[in-house]
Amino acid sequence: MKITNTFFEQNNTKDSPLIRLFECKDLPAKISYWLSRLFQAMIPLNKVYDEKKRKLIEKWGEKNEDNTLKLDNEQFTIPSGSIMEFKEE
């Protein structure tokens, strides 16, 4: 199975379809078991993804005068001159 960044971004919140399905109590036992196994297998992958993403944002993200990352509407910004390098990494 090919897993893309979008998969991790969409399944990283409490409102994601996968999390809501996992929390559903009306599923048959066999399906609940396999969803639980899938969810447990995703946890370490999600941690690795978040760590790598954070390192890239720290490297390429815009910074304030005090060298902290600049936030715009609770989102990090990448300078337009560095977007291509950011995407390649």
PDB file of N, CA and C in Angstrom:
ATOM      1  N   MET A   1       0.851  -1.170   0.000  1.00  0.00           N
ATOM      2  CA  MET A   1       0.000   0.000   0.000  1.00  0.00           C
ATOM      3  C   MET A   1       0.895   1.231   0.000  1.00  0.00           C
ATOM      4  N   LYS A   2       0.595   2.174  -0.850  1.00  0.00           N
ATOM      5  CA  LYS A   2       1.333   3.427  -0.905  1.00  0.00           C
ATOM      6  C   LYS A   2       0.666   4.425   0.040  1.00  0.00           C
ATOM      7  N   ILE A   3       1.461   4.964   0.968  1.00  0.00           N
ATOM      8  CA  ILE A   3       0.944   5.931   1.927  1.00  0.00           C
ATOM      9  C   ILE A   3       1.541   7.291   1.593  1.00  0.00           C
ATOM     10  N   THR A   4       0.700   8.278   1.436  1.00  0.00           N
ATOM     11  CA  THR A   4       1.163   9.621   1.100  1.00  0.00           C
ATOM     12  C   THR A   4       1.094  10.532   2.316  1.00  0.00           C
ATOM     13  N   ASN A   5       1.692  11.709   2.195  1.00  0.00           N
ATOM     14  CA  ASN A   5       1.641  12.696   3.273  1.00  0.00           C
ATOM     15  C   ASN A   5       0.201  13.059   3.606  1.00  0.00           C
ATOM     16  N   THR A   6      -0.636  13.110   2.601  1.00  0.00           N
ATOM     17  CA  THR A   6      -2.040  13.466   2.812  1.00  0.00           C
ATOM     18  C   THR A   6      -2.710  12.492   3.769  1.00  0.00           C
ATOM     19  N   PHE A   7      -2.360  11.229   3.672  1.00  0.00           N
ATOM     20  CA  PHE A   7      -2.933  10.213   4.564  1.00  0.00           C
ATOM     21  C   PHE A   7      -2.633  10.554   6.020  1.00  0.00           C
ATOM     22  N   PHE A   8      -1.370  10.922   6.315  1.00  0.00           N
ATOM     23  CA  PHE A   8      -1.005  11.260   7.691  1.00  0.00           C
ATOM     24  C   PHE A   8      -1.639  12.574   8.133  1.00  0.00           C
ATOM     25  N   GLU A   9      -1.715  13.535   7.231  1.00  0.00           N
ATOM     26  CA  GLU A   9      -2.298  14.829   7.586  1.00  0.00           C
ATOM     27  C   GLU A   9      -3.786  14.690   7.890  1.00  0.00           C
ATOM     28  N   GLN A  10      -4.489  13.897   7.117  1.00  0.00           N
ATOM     29  CA  GLN A  10      -5.929  13.756   7.304  1.00  0.00           C
ATOM     30  C   GLN A  10      -6.279  12.895   8.511  1.00  0.00           C
ATOM     31  N   ASN A  11      -5.400  11.981   8.884  1.00  0.00           N
ATOM     32  CA  ASN A  11      -5.704  11.067   9.990  1.00  0.00           C
ATOM     33  C   ASN A  11      -4.972  11.446  11.268  1.00  0.00           C
ATOM     34  N   ASN A  12      -4.642  12.718  11.395  1.00  0.00           N
ATOM     35  CA  ASN A  12      -3.893  13.186  12.556  1.00  0.00           C
ATOM     36  C   ASN A  12      -4.777  13.949  13.537  1.00  0.00           C
ATOM     37  N   THR A  13      -6.064  14.014  13.280  1.00  0.00           N
ATOM     38  CA  THR A  13      -6.964  14.763  14.150  1.00  0.00           C
ATOM     39  C   THR A  13      -8.048  13.836  14.699  1.00  0.00           C
ATOM     40  N   LYS A  14      -8.703  14.296  15.747  1.00  0.00           N
ATOM     41  CA  LYS A  14      -9.778  13.492  16.354  1.00  0.00           C
ATOM     42  C   LYS A  14     -10.997  13.363  15.450  1.00  0.00           C
ATOM     43  N   ASP A  15     -11.167  14.287  14.507  1.00  0.00           N
ATOM     44  CA  ASP A  15     -12.327  14.257  13.615  1.00  0.00           C
ATOM     45  C   ASP A  15     -12.083  13.461  12.343  1.00  0.00           C
ATOM     46  N   SER A  16     -10.924  12.834  12.222  1.00  0.00           N
ATOM     47  CA  SER A  16     -10.624  12.104  10.997  1.00  0.00           C
ATOM     48  C   SER A  16     -11.515  10.864  10.886  1.00  0.00           C
ATOM     49  N   PRO A  17     -11.829  10.463   9.675  1.00  0.00           N
ATOM     50  CA  PRO A  17     -12.704   9.296   9.485  1.00  0.00           C
ATOM     51  C   PRO A  17     -12.142   8.017  10.105  1.00  0.00           C
ATOM     52  N   LEU A  18     -10.844   7.820  10.007  1.00  0.00           N
ATOM     53  CA  LEU A  18     -10.253   6.601  10.558  1.00  0.00           C
ATOM     54  C   LEU A  18     -10.374   6.561  12.083  1.00  0.00           C
ATOM     55  N   ILE A  19     -10.147   7.676  12.746  1.00  0.00           N
ATOM     56  CA  ILE A  19     -10.269   7.731  14.206  1.00  0.00           C
ATOM     57  C   ILE A  19     -11.728   7.526  14.620  1.00  0.00           C
ATOM     58  N   ARG A  20     -12.650   8.169  13.918  1.00  0.00           N
ATOM     59  CA  ARG A  20     -14.076   7.998  14.252  1.00  0.00           C
ATOM     60  C   ARG A  20     -14.520   6.558  14.043  1.00  0.00           C
ATOM     61  N   LEU A  21     -14.022   5.916  12.986  1.00  0.00           N
ATOM     62  CA  LEU A  21     -14.363   4.517  12.736  1.00  0.00           C
ATOM     63  C   LEU A  21     -13.788   3.631  13.835  1.00  0.00           C
ATOM     64  N   PHE A  22     -12.567   3.921  14.256  1.00  0.00           N
ATOM     65  CA  PHE A  22     -11.935   3.139  15.319  1.00  0.00           C
ATOM     66  C   PHE A  22     -12.708   3.262  16.630  1.00  0.00           C
ATOM     67  N   GLU A  23     -13.261   4.428  16.905  1.00  0.00           N
ATOM     68  CA  GLU A  23     -13.990   4.661  18.147  1.00  0.00           C
ATOM     69  C   GLU A  23     -15.437   4.170  18.109  1.00  0.00           C
ATOM     70  N   CYS A  24     -15.898   3.708  16.971  1.00  0.00           N
ATOM     71  CA  CYS A  24     -17.267   3.220  16.834  1.00  0.00           C
ATOM     72  C   CYS A  24     -17.441   1.925  17.637  1.00  0.00           C
ATOM     73  N   LYS A  25     -18.478   1.878  18.430  1.00  0.00           N
ATOM     74  CA  LYS A  25     -18.717   0.719  19.307  1.00  0.00           C
ATOM     75  C   LYS A  25     -19.627  -0.329  18.679  1.00  0.00           C
ATOM     76  N   ASP A  26     -20.237  -0.030  17.544  1.00  0.00           N
ATOM     77  CA  ASP A  26     -21.208  -0.938  16.938  1.00  0.00           C
ATOM     78  C   ASP A  26     -20.617  -1.858  15.876  1.00  0.00           C
ATOM     79  N   LEU A  27     -19.302  -1.919  15.768  1.00  0.00           N
ATOM     80  CA  LEU A  27     -18.689  -2.762  14.753  1.00  0.00           C
ATOM     81  C   LEU A  27     -18.578  -4.201  15.236  1.00  0.00           C
ATOM     82  N   PRO A  28     -18.610  -5.151  14.307  1.00  0.00           N
ATOM     83  CA  PRO A  28     -18.382  -6.547  14.692  1.00  0.00           C
ATOM     84  C   PRO A  28     -16.967  -6.711  15.268  1.00  0.00           C
ATOM     85  N   ALA A  29     -16.790  -7.725  16.095  1.00  0.00           N
ATOM     86  CA  ALA A  29     -15.521  -7.941  16.794  1.00  0.00           C
ATOM     87  C   ALA A  29     -14.345  -8.110  15.831  1.00  0.00           C
ATOM     88  N   LYS A  30     -14.546  -8.843  14.754  1.00  0.00           N
ATOM     89  CA  LYS A  30     -13.452  -9.095  13.810  1.00  0.00           C
ATOM     90  C   LYS A  30     -12.973  -7.795  13.150  1.00  0.00           C
ATOM     91  N   ILE A  31     -13.903  -6.959  12.763  1.00  0.00           N
ATOM     92  CA  ILE A  31     -13.542  -5.676  12.143  1.00  0.00           C
ATOM     93  C   ILE A  31     -12.872  -4.763  13.161  1.00  0.00           C
ATOM     94  N   SER A  32     -13.381  -4.741  14.375  1.00  0.00           N
ATOM     95  CA  SER A  32     -12.765  -3.933  15.434  1.00  0.00           C
ATOM     96  C   SER A  32     -11.335  -4.382  15.698  1.00  0.00           C
ATOM     97  N   TYR A  33     -11.120  -5.689  15.698  1.00  0.00           N
ATOM     98  CA  TYR A  33      -9.780  -6.237  15.919  1.00  0.00           C
ATOM     99  C   TYR A  33      -8.807  -5.744  14.848  1.00  0.00           C
ATOM    100  N   TRP A  34      -9.206  -5.853  13.577  1.00  0.00           N
ATOM    101  CA  TRP A  34      -8.299  -5.458  12.495  1.00  0.00           C
ATOM    102  C   TRP A  34      -8.105  -3.947  12.441  1.00  0.00           C
ATOM    103  N   LEU A  35      -9.124  -3.190  12.765  1.00  0.00           N
ATOM    104  CA  LEU A  35      -8.947  -1.741  12.851  1.00  0.00           C
ATOM    105  C   LEU A  35      -7.981  -1.371  13.971  1.00  0.00           C
ATOM    106  N   SER A  36      -8.092  -2.067  15.075  1.00  0.00           N
ATOM    107  CA  SER A  36      -7.181  -1.834  16.193  1.00  0.00           C
ATOM    108  C   SER A  36      -5.742  -2.140  15.797  1.00  0.00           C
ATOM    109  N   ARG A  37      -5.537  -3.230  15.083  1.00  0.00           N
ATOM    110  CA  ARG A  37      -4.184  -3.578  14.625  1.00  0.00           C
ATOM    111  C   ARG A  37      -3.656  -2.534  13.651  1.00  0.00           C
ATOM    112  N   LEU A  38      -4.491  -2.073  12.751  1.00  0.00           N
ATOM    113  CA  LEU A  38      -4.089  -1.033  11.805  1.00  0.00           C
ATOM    114  C   LEU A  38      -3.711   0.247  12.536  1.00  0.00           C
ATOM    115  N   PHE A  39      -4.540   0.622  13.486  1.00  0.00           N
ATOM    116  CA  PHE A  39      -4.302   1.837  14.244  1.00  0.00           C
ATOM    117  C   PHE A  39      -2.993   1.746  15.028  1.00  0.00           C
ATOM    118  N   GLN A  40      -2.745   0.602  15.662  1.00  0.00           N
ATOM    119  CA  GLN A  40      -1.505   0.416  16.420  1.00  0.00           C
ATOM    120  C   GLN A  40      -0.279   0.424  15.513  1.00  0.00           C
ATOM    121  N   ALA A  41      -0.406  -0.075  14.294  1.00  0.00           N
ATOM    122  CA  ALA A  41       0.713  -0.065  13.353  1.00  0.00           C
ATOM    123  C   ALA A  41       0.992   1.351  12.837  1.00  0.00           C
ATOM    124  N   MET A  42      -0.028   2.189  12.822  1.00  0.00           N
ATOM    125  CA  MET A  42       0.138   3.555  12.315  1.00  0.00           C
ATOM    126  C   MET A  42       0.792   4.490  13.322  1.00  0.00           C
ATOM    127  N   ILE A  43       0.697   4.210  14.599  1.00  0.00           N
ATOM    128  CA  ILE A  43       1.214   5.123  15.618  1.00  0.00           C
ATOM    129  C   ILE A  43       2.707   5.411  15.438  1.00  0.00           C
ATOM    130  N   PRO A  44       3.576   4.396  15.309  1.00  0.00           N
ATOM    131  CA  PRO A  44       4.996   4.729  15.121  1.00  0.00           C
ATOM    132  C   PRO A  44       5.270   5.453  13.803  1.00  0.00           C
ATOM    133  N   LEU A  45       4.528   5.095  12.762  1.00  0.00           N
ATOM    134  CA  LEU A  45       4.715   5.776  11.475  1.00  0.00           C
ATOM    135  C   LEU A  45       4.328   7.245  11.579  1.00  0.00           C
ATOM    136  N   ASN A  46       3.271   7.515  12.306  1.00  0.00           N
ATOM    137  CA  ASN A  46       2.809   8.890  12.483  1.00  0.00           C
ATOM    138  C   ASN A  46       3.834   9.705  13.275  1.00  0.00           C
ATOM    139  N   LYS A  47       4.455   9.094  14.277  1.00  0.00           N
ATOM    140  CA  LYS A  47       5.480   9.782  15.056  1.00  0.00           C
ATOM    141  C   LYS A  47       6.677  10.147  14.188  1.00  0.00           C
ATOM    142  N   VAL A  48       7.122   9.209  13.361  1.00  0.00           N
ATOM    143  CA  VAL A  48       8.244   9.474  12.456  1.00  0.00           C
ATOM    144  C   VAL A  48       7.887  10.594  11.490  1.00  0.00           C
ATOM    145  N   TYR A  49       6.690  10.537  10.933  1.00  0.00           N
ATOM    146  CA  TYR A  49       6.242  11.574  10.004  1.00  0.00           C
ATOM    147  C   TYR A  49       6.239  12.947  10.669  1.00  0.00           C
ATOM    148  N   ASP A  50       5.707  13.032  11.877  1.00  0.00           N
ATOM    149  CA  ASP A  50       5.643  14.307  12.596  1.00  0.00           C
ATOM    150  C   ASP A  50       7.035  14.852  12.911  1.00  0.00           C
ATOM    151  N   GLU A  51       7.969  13.961  13.307  1.00  0.00           N
ATOM    152  CA  GLU A  51       9.334  14.394  13.599  1.00  0.00           C
ATOM    153  C   GLU A  51      10.016  14.951  12.348  1.00  0.00           C
ATOM    154  N   LYS A  52       9.892  14.253  11.236  1.00  0.00           N
ATOM    155  CA  LYS A  52      10.509  14.707   9.981  1.00  0.00           C
ATOM    156  C   LYS A  52       9.901  16.028   9.520  1.00  0.00           C
ATOM    157  N   LYS A  53       8.592  16.121   9.629  1.00  0.00           N
ATOM    158  CA  LYS A  53       7.906  17.348   9.229  1.00  0.00           C
ATOM    159  C   LYS A  53       8.367  18.524  10.087  1.00  0.00           C
ATOM    160  N   ARG A  54       8.482  18.298  11.385  1.00  0.00           N
ATOM    161  CA  ARG A  54       8.916  19.355  12.301  1.00  0.00           C
ATOM    162  C   ARG A  54      10.338  19.819  11.972  1.00  0.00           C
ATOM    163  N   LYS A  55      11.236  18.881  11.665  1.00  0.00           N
ATOM    164  CA  LYS A  55      12.612  19.236  11.310  1.00  0.00           C
ATOM    165  C   LYS A  55      12.654  20.077  10.037  1.00  0.00           C
ATOM    166  N   LEU A  56      11.846  19.700   9.045  1.00  0.00           N
ATOM    167  CA  LEU A  56      11.804  20.472   7.800  1.00  0.00           C
ATOM    168  C   LEU A  56      11.247  21.875   8.037  1.00  0.00           C
ATOM    169  N   ILE A  57      10.233  21.977   8.866  1.00  0.00           N
ATOM    170  CA  ILE A  57       9.655  23.291   9.159  1.00  0.00           C
ATOM    171  C   ILE A  57      10.665  24.147   9.911  1.00  0.00           C
ATOM    172  N   GLU A  58      11.396  23.549  10.854  1.00  0.00           N
ATOM    173  CA  GLU A  58      12.411  24.305  11.576  1.00  0.00           C
ATOM    174  C   GLU A  58      13.529  24.767  10.652  1.00  0.00           C
ATOM    175  N   LYS A  59      13.860  23.942   9.668  1.00  0.00           N
ATOM    176  CA  LYS A  59      14.937  24.296   8.739  1.00  0.00           C
ATOM    177  C   LYS A  59      14.504  25.372   7.747  1.00  0.00           C
ATOM    178  N   TRP A  60      13.315  25.242   7.166  1.00  0.00           N
ATOM    179  CA  TRP A  60      12.898  26.102   6.069  1.00  0.00           C
ATOM    180  C   TRP A  60      11.881  27.174   6.454  1.00  0.00           C
ATOM    181  N   GLY A  61      11.263  27.072   7.608  1.00  0.00           N
ATOM    182  CA  GLY A  61      10.202  28.003   7.987  1.00  0.00           C
ATOM    183  C   GLY A  61      10.707  29.410   8.271  1.00  0.00           C
ATOM    184  N   GLU A  62       9.819  30.388   8.062  1.00  0.00           N
ATOM    185  CA  GLU A  62      10.142  31.783   8.387  1.00  0.00           C
ATOM    186  C   GLU A  62      10.298  31.920   9.888  1.00  0.00           C
ATOM    187  N   LYS A  63      11.258  32.760  10.282  1.00  0.00           N
ATOM    188  CA  LYS A  63      11.524  32.930  11.705  1.00  0.00           C
ATOM    189  C   LYS A  63      11.338  34.393  12.106  1.00  0.00           C
ATOM    190  N   ASN A  64      10.987  34.577  13.381  1.00  0.00           N
ATOM    191  CA  ASN A  64      10.883  35.918  13.955  1.00  0.00           C
ATOM    192  C   ASN A  64      12.283  36.428  14.301  1.00  0.00           C
ATOM    193  N   GLU A  65      12.345  37.654  14.829  1.00  0.00           N
ATOM    194  CA  GLU A  65      13.622  38.236  15.213  1.00  0.00           C
ATOM    195  C   GLU A  65      14.316  37.431  16.306  1.00  0.00           C
ATOM    196  N   ASP A  66      13.559  36.808  17.189  1.00  0.00           N
ATOM    197  CA  ASP A  66      14.140  36.022  18.279  1.00  0.00           C
ATOM    198  C   ASP A  66      14.398  34.564  17.878  1.00  0.00           C
ATOM    199  N   ASN A  67      14.409  34.286  16.570  1.00  0.00           N
ATOM    200  CA  ASN A  67      14.735  32.985  15.984  1.00  0.00           C
ATOM    201  C   ASN A  67      13.706  31.894  16.316  1.00  0.00           C
ATOM    202  N   THR A  68      12.473  32.284  16.634  1.00  0.00           N
ATOM    203  CA  THR A  68      11.392  31.313  16.793  1.00  0.00           C
ATOM    204  C   THR A  68      10.593  31.276  15.497  1.00  0.00           C
ATOM    205  N   LEU A  69       9.915  30.174  15.270  1.00  0.00           N
ATOM    206  CA  LEU A  69       9.142  30.041  14.032  1.00  0.00           C
ATOM    207  C   LEU A  69       7.971  31.017  14.018  1.00  0.00           C
ATOM    208  N   LYS A  70       7.781  31.633  12.865  1.00  0.00           N
ATOM    209  CA  LYS A  70       6.709  32.607  12.683  1.00  0.00           C
ATOM    210  C   LYS A  70       5.413  31.877  12.351  1.00  0.00           C
ATOM    211  N   LEU A  71       4.338  32.254  13.037  1.00  0.00           N
ATOM    212  CA  LEU A  71       3.026  31.652  12.811  1.00  0.00           C
ATOM    213  C   LEU A  71       2.080  32.677  12.205  1.00  0.00           C
ATOM    214  N   ASP A  72       1.350  32.257  11.179  1.00  0.00           N
ATOM    215  CA  ASP A  72       0.273  33.057  10.595  1.00  0.00           C
ATOM    216  C   ASP A  72      -0.994  32.222  10.660  1.00  0.00           C
ATOM    217  N   ASN A  73      -1.954  32.640  11.466  1.00  0.00           N
ATOM    218  CA  ASN A  73      -3.198  31.885  11.664  1.00  0.00           C
ATOM    219  C   ASN A  73      -2.910  30.447  12.091  1.00  0.00           C
ATOM    220  N   GLU A  74      -1.993  30.298  13.037  1.00  0.00           N
ATOM    221  CA  GLU A  74      -1.590  29.002  13.576  1.00  0.00           C
ATOM    222  C   GLU A  74      -0.995  28.068  12.528  1.00  0.00           C
ATOM    223  N   GLN A  75      -0.399  28.624  11.468  1.00  0.00           N
ATOM    224  CA  GLN A  75       0.270  27.839  10.440  1.00  0.00           C
ATOM    225  C   GLN A  75       1.660  28.410  10.209  1.00  0.00           C
ATOM    226  N   PHE A  76       2.591  27.519   9.921  1.00  0.00           N
ATOM    227  CA  PHE A  76       3.938  27.946   9.598  1.00  0.00           C
ATOM    228  C   PHE A  76       3.989  28.400   8.153  1.00  0.00           C
ATOM    229  N   THR A  77       4.875  29.338   7.848  1.00  0.00           N
ATOM    230  CA  THR A  77       5.034  29.787   6.477  1.00  0.00           C
ATOM    231  C   THR A  77       6.449  29.504   6.003  1.00  0.00           C
ATOM    232  N   ILE A  78       6.553  29.136   4.748  1.00  0.00           N
ATOM    233  CA  ILE A  78       7.834  28.900   4.104  1.00  0.00           C
ATOM    234  C   ILE A  78       8.049  30.060   3.135  1.00  0.00           C
ATOM    235  N   PRO A  79       9.207  30.730   3.168  1.00  0.00           N
ATOM    236  CA  PRO A  79       9.445  31.830   2.225  1.00  0.00           C
ATOM    237  C   PRO A  79       9.313  31.341   0.781  1.00  0.00           C
ATOM    238  N   SER A  80       8.772  32.187  -0.066  1.00  0.00           N
ATOM    239  CA  SER A  80       8.497  31.772  -1.445  1.00  0.00           C
ATOM    240  C   SER A  80       9.761  31.362  -2.192  1.00  0.00           C
ATOM    241  N   GLY A  81      10.914  31.895  -1.823  1.00  0.00           N
ATOM    242  CA  GLY A  81      12.165  31.498  -2.481  1.00  0.00           C
ATOM    243  C   GLY A  81      12.640  30.121  -2.079  1.00  0.00           C
ATOM    244  N   SER A  82      12.117  29.569  -1.006  1.00  0.00           N
ATOM    245  CA  SER A  82      12.577  28.273  -0.490  1.00  0.00           C
ATOM    246  C   SER A  82      11.575  27.140  -0.690  1.00  0.00           C
ATOM    247  N   ILE A  83      10.463  27.418  -1.315  1.00  0.00           N
ATOM    248  CA  ILE A  83       9.395  26.416  -1.439  1.00  0.00           C
ATOM    249  C   ILE A  83       9.862  25.193  -2.233  1.00  0.00           C
ATOM    250  N   MET A  84      10.564  25.393  -3.317  1.00  0.00           N
ATOM    251  CA  MET A  84      11.012  24.261  -4.139  1.00  0.00           C
ATOM    252  C   MET A  84      11.969  23.351  -3.360  1.00  0.00           C
ATOM    253  N   GLU A  85      12.918  23.950  -2.635  1.00  0.00           N
ATOM    254  CA  GLU A  85      13.857  23.149  -1.835  1.00  0.00           C
ATOM    255  C   GLU A  85      13.116  22.403  -0.731  1.00  0.00           C
ATOM    256  N   PHE A  86      12.135  23.069  -0.130  1.00  0.00           N
ATOM    257  CA  PHE A  86      11.327  22.440   0.926  1.00  0.00           C
ATOM    258  C   PHE A  86      10.591  21.225   0.367  1.00  0.00           C
ATOM    259  N   LYS A  87       9.981  21.359  -0.787  1.00  0.00           N
ATOM    260  CA  LYS A  87       9.222  20.255  -1.380  1.00  0.00           C
ATOM    261  C   LYS A  87      10.133  19.096  -1.788  1.00  0.00           C
ATOM    262  N   GLU A  88      11.363  19.413  -2.236  1.00  0.00           N
ATOM    263  CA  GLU A  88      12.279  18.353  -2.650  1.00  0.00           C
ATOM    264  C   GLU A  88      12.749  17.499  -1.476  1.00  0.00           C
ATOM    265  N   GLU A  89      12.944  18.143  -0.334  1.00  0.00           N
ATOM    266  CA  GLU A  89      13.377  17.389   0.851  1.00  0.00           C
ATOM    267  C   GLU A  89      12.209  16.598   1.386  1.00  0.00           C
TER     268      GLU A  89
END
